Amino acid sequence: MSATVFLKDPLGDDRTQIDCEEVKIIGEIVWATPESGDQETVIPLSNVAGVDGESVDQEIKAIESPGGQFTELITDIA
């Protein structure tokens, strides 16, 4: 499965879309894992025009942070 992230403003290398193995949306942040095996790209949700994928899973997870633990809705798109 794969997903594509479409950007409002291009990244530094003028890419306006990222072909991904997996995309996670956590709060106002999008974590894109590229198919090419490059490092994950972190994108502010405000710069995302859309995400296209074959499957969407959502769950509420507990996330550890330096100040303690909080819960967040996490959306996985593949």
Protein backbone atom coordinates (compact mmCIF):
# COMPACT_ATOMS: atom_id res chain seq x y z
CA MET A 1 0.00 0.00 0.00
CA SER A 2 1.09 3.55 -0.50
CA ALA A 3 -0.05 7.10 0.13
CA THR A 4 0.70 10.48 -1.39
CA VAL A 5 0.94 13.77 0.51
CA PHE A 6 0.13 16.87 -1.54
CA LEU A 7 1.67 20.12 -0.33
CA LYS A 8 0.41 23.71 -0.54
CA ASP A 9 3.95 25.12 -0.56
CA PRO A 10 6.84 23.07 -2.00
CA LEU A 11 9.66 21.75 0.13
CA GLY A 12 13.23 23.00 -0.33
CA ASP A 13 13.74 20.79 -3.40
CA ASP A 14 10.55 22.08 -5.09
CA ARG A 15 8.57 18.90 -4.40
CA THR A 16 4.84 19.51 -4.17
CA GLN A 17 4.01 15.89 -3.42
CA ILE A 18 5.64 13.05 -1.50
CA ASP A 19 5.00 9.40 -2.37
CA CYS A 20 4.92 7.56 0.94
CA GLU A 21 4.90 4.09 2.37
CA GLU A 22 2.91 5.43 5.34
CA VAL A 23 1.54 8.75 6.58
CA LYS A 24 0.69 9.50 10.22
CA ILE A 25 -1.26 12.54 11.30
CA ILE A 26 -0.76 13.39 14.95
CA GLY A 27 -2.37 16.65 16.03
CA GLU A 28 -1.07 19.41 13.76
CA ILE A 29 1.89 17.35 12.46
CA VAL A 30 2.13 14.98 9.47
CA TRP A 31 4.85 12.28 9.55
CA ALA A 32 5.56 11.05 6.01
CA THR A 33 7.63 7.88 5.53
CA PRO A 34 8.82 7.98 1.89
CA GLU A 35 8.72 4.86 -0.29
CA SER A 36 12.34 5.51 -1.32
CA GLY A 37 13.58 4.67 2.18
CA ASP A 38 14.73 8.23 2.87
CA GLN A 39 14.31 9.70 6.32
CA GLU A 40 10.84 10.59 7.53
CA THR A 41 9.63 14.05 6.63
CA VAL A 42 7.73 16.08 9.23
CA ILE A 43 5.28 18.56 7.73
CA PRO A 44 2.98 21.04 9.48
CA LEU A 45 -0.64 20.12 8.75
CA SER A 46 -1.19 23.72 7.61
CA ASN A 47 1.09 23.00 4.58
CA VAL A 48 -0.81 19.86 3.52
CA ALA A 49 -3.34 20.30 0.72
CA GLY A 50 -4.45 16.65 0.90
CA VAL A 51 -3.48 13.02 1.40
CA ASP A 52 -4.43 10.17 -0.93
CA GLY A 53 -4.22 6.56 0.26
CA GLU A 54 -5.90 3.18 0.10
CA SER A 55 -6.60 2.66 3.80
CA VAL A 56 -7.23 4.89 6.79
CA ASP A 57 -7.06 3.75 10.43
CA GLN A 58 -7.72 5.98 13.41
CA GLU A 59 -7.18 5.32 17.08
CA ILE A 60 -6.62 7.22 20.26
CA LYS A 61 -3.21 6.47 21.79
CA ALA A 62 -1.37 7.47 24.92
CA ILE A 63 1.79 9.40 24.03
CA GLU A 64 4.68 9.84 26.44
CA SER A 65 6.23 13.30 26.71
CA PRO A 66 8.74 14.97 29.03
CA GLY A 67 5.87 16.52 31.00
CA GLY A 68 3.93 13.26 31.37
CA GLN A 69 1.48 11.37 29.22
CA PHE A 70 -1.35 12.64 27.02
CA THR A 71 -3.82 11.11 24.59
CA GLU A 72 -4.06 12.02 20.92
CA LEU A 73 -6.05 10.88 17.91
CA ILE A 74 -3.61 9.29 15.44
CA THR A 75 -4.58 8.77 11.81
CA ASP A 76 -2.58 6.22 9.78
CA ILE A 77 -2.93 6.41 6.00
CA ALA A 78 -1.36 3.82 3.72
